[in-house]
Protein backbone atom coordinates (compact mmCIF):
# COMPACT_ATOMS: atom_id res chain seq x y z
CA MET A 1 100.99 53.29 71.46
CA THR A 2 102.33 53.05 67.79
CA LEU A 3 101.41 55.86 65.58
CA SER A 4 99.29 53.84 64.03
CA ALA A 5 97.45 52.95 67.06
CA THR A 6 96.85 56.49 67.31
CA VAL A 7 95.59 57.17 63.81
CA LEU A 8 93.16 54.20 64.38
CA ASP A 9 91.98 55.86 67.34
CA TYR A 10 91.69 59.46 66.02
CA SER A 11 89.50 57.38 63.30
CA ALA A 12 86.90 55.65 65.90
CA LEU A 13 86.73 58.98 68.14
CA MET A 14 85.67 60.65 64.36
CA LYS A 15 83.15 57.83 64.02
CA ARG A 16 81.75 58.28 67.69
CA LEU A 17 81.70 62.32 67.82
CA VAL A 18 80.05 62.50 64.21
CA ASP A 19 76.92 59.79 65.44
CA GLU A 20 77.13 62.55 68.63
CA ALA A 21 76.98 65.53 66.56
CA LYS A 22 73.53 64.88 66.13
CA GLN A 23 72.36 65.44 69.75
CA PRO A 24 71.39 68.54 71.24
CA GLY A 25 74.45 71.00 72.72
CA PHE A 26 77.08 69.68 70.22
CA THR A 27 79.54 72.32 69.77
CA THR A 28 83.20 72.80 68.81
CA GLU A 29 84.21 71.90 72.48
CA SER A 30 83.00 68.56 71.88
CA TRP A 31 85.79 67.51 69.51
CA SER A 32 88.20 67.76 72.81
CA PRO A 33 88.22 63.72 72.97
CA LEU A 34 89.94 64.10 69.07
CA ALA A 35 92.29 67.70 70.08
CA ASP A 36 93.79 65.17 72.43
CA LEU A 37 95.66 63.10 70.21
CA ILE A 38 96.14 66.57 68.26
CA ASP A 39 99.47 69.42 68.65
CA THR A 40 96.45 71.88 68.34
CA ALA A 41 99.11 74.71 68.22
CA ASN A 42 100.84 73.55 65.03
CA PHE A 43 98.17 71.39 63.50
CA VAL A 44 97.57 71.41 59.54
CA ARG A 45 94.79 69.94 57.52
CA VAL A 46 94.99 69.77 53.80
CA GLY A 47 91.68 68.46 52.46
CA ASN A 48 89.82 66.99 49.35
CA PHE A 49 90.11 70.40 47.59
CA LYS A 50 93.38 71.31 48.55
CA GLU A 51 92.00 73.80 51.35
CA VAL A 52 94.41 74.45 54.06
CA MET A 53 92.88 74.76 57.82
CA ASN A 54 94.63 75.07 61.20
CA TRP A 55 92.88 73.47 64.46
CA ALA A 56 90.11 76.10 64.87
CA GLU A 57 89.28 75.97 61.60
CA TYR A 58 88.84 72.36 61.34
CA VAL A 59 87.13 72.29 64.26
CA SER A 60 84.57 74.75 63.33
CA PHE A 61 84.40 72.66 59.62
CA LEU A 62 83.70 69.62 61.36
CA THR A 63 81.02 70.64 63.39
CA ASN A 64 78.84 72.17 60.65
CA TRP A 65 79.58 68.67 58.40
CA ALA A 66 78.89 66.26 61.58
CA THR A 67 75.69 68.01 62.78
CA SER A 68 74.38 67.29 59.33
CA SER A 69 76.18 64.64 57.80
CA GLU A 70 75.91 60.86 58.75
CA TRP A 71 79.60 59.23 58.06
CA ASP A 72 81.04 55.69 58.34
CA SER A 73 84.04 53.76 57.02
CA SER A 74 85.58 50.66 56.48
CA PHE A 75 89.15 50.09 57.05
CA LYS A 76 91.19 48.96 54.15
CA ARG A 77 94.92 49.44 55.18
CA VAL A 78 97.23 51.41 57.69
CA THR A 79 101.11 51.84 56.82
CA GLU A 80 103.70 53.83 59.33
CA VAL A 81 106.91 54.74 58.36
CA GLY A 82 108.79 56.88 60.40
CA ASN A 83 106.54 59.91 61.88
CA VAL A 84 104.04 59.34 59.27
CA VAL A 85 101.03 56.96 58.72
CA PHE A 86 99.11 56.07 55.93
CA LEU A 87 95.32 55.70 56.16
CA GLU A 88 93.23 53.96 53.53
CA LEU A 89 89.70 53.73 54.11
CA GLU A 90 86.60 53.39 52.05
CA GLU A 91 84.15 56.53 53.57
CA ARG A 92 80.73 56.14 53.20
CA SER A 93 78.49 59.66 53.87
CA ARG A 94 74.84 61.03 53.44
CA ILE A 95 74.13 65.09 53.67
CA GLY A 96 70.31 65.13 53.34
CA GLU A 97 69.33 63.19 50.00
CA PHE A 98 72.74 63.23 48.92
CA SER A 99 75.12 59.98 49.56
CA ASN A 100 78.20 58.94 48.36
CA SER A 101 80.82 56.32 48.88
CA VAL A 102 84.80 57.48 48.70
CA ASN A 103 88.43 55.94 48.64
CA SER A 104 90.36 57.81 50.61
CA LEU A 105 94.08 58.10 51.66
CA SER A 106 95.27 59.99 54.67
CA VAL A 107 98.40 60.88 55.82
CA TYR A 108 99.09 61.58 59.25
CA GLU A 109 102.52 63.41 60.43
CA PHE A 110 103.44 63.44 63.79
CA ASP A 111 106.18 65.17 66.06
CA THR A 112 108.04 63.59 68.50
CA ALA A 113 105.66 63.72 71.40
CA GLY A 114 103.46 61.23 69.23
CA LYS A 115 101.00 64.40 68.78
CA ILE A 116 99.26 64.80 65.16
CA THR A 117 100.41 67.61 63.59
CA ARG A 118 99.26 67.14 59.92
CA ILE A 119 96.90 65.38 57.98
CA ASP A 120 96.69 65.41 54.59
CA VAL A 121 93.62 64.05 52.48
CA TYR A 122 93.26 61.97 49.02
CA LEU A 123 90.35 61.26 47.57
CA GLN A 124 88.81 58.85 45.06
CA MET A 125 85.38 59.63 43.68
CA ALA A 126 82.62 60.53 41.38
CA LEU A 127 82.32 64.26 40.36
CA PRO A 128 80.18 65.61 43.21
CA ASP A 129 77.18 66.97 42.86
CA PRO A 130 77.18 70.95 43.04
CA ASP A 131 75.03 71.31 46.09
CA MET A 132 77.07 69.10 48.35
CA LEU A 133 79.79 71.61 47.43
CA ALA A 134 78.26 74.15 49.30
CA SER A 135 79.91 73.25 52.66
CA TYR A 136 82.94 74.44 51.45
CA GLU A 137 81.58 77.72 50.95
CA GLY A 138 83.74 80.32 52.96
CA VAL A 139 86.28 78.07 53.18
CA GLU A 140 89.50 79.51 51.33
CA ILE A 141 90.94 77.19 48.76
């Protein structure tokens, strides 16, 4: 499997798990299919606001977000260079009455075993409603 295929699998799994997160009993352990693609011991994610998370912090963040959000994306482009994959998406989300659409570029870095070790997220978006930022409360930036 190419690294690009792994990133596309990651994106498809993310969509499935975000949809499943609305069901009773969804927990941080529910992200295990995604964890299969990750070097969880060495994983780093740098998000939209330069917040840095390890795997446990990211899964906790994802769980809080996914249980209260609707999310979908449209594929734009994927580029693989060495151990790095660039994925461009149009992402659409809804949290309560707030909805938005952003263009995202996520940079995935892989180890020699083909596991994701780092994701850096870059967004093009309109200024967000301050209420949307409440989901970042407690996240160290």
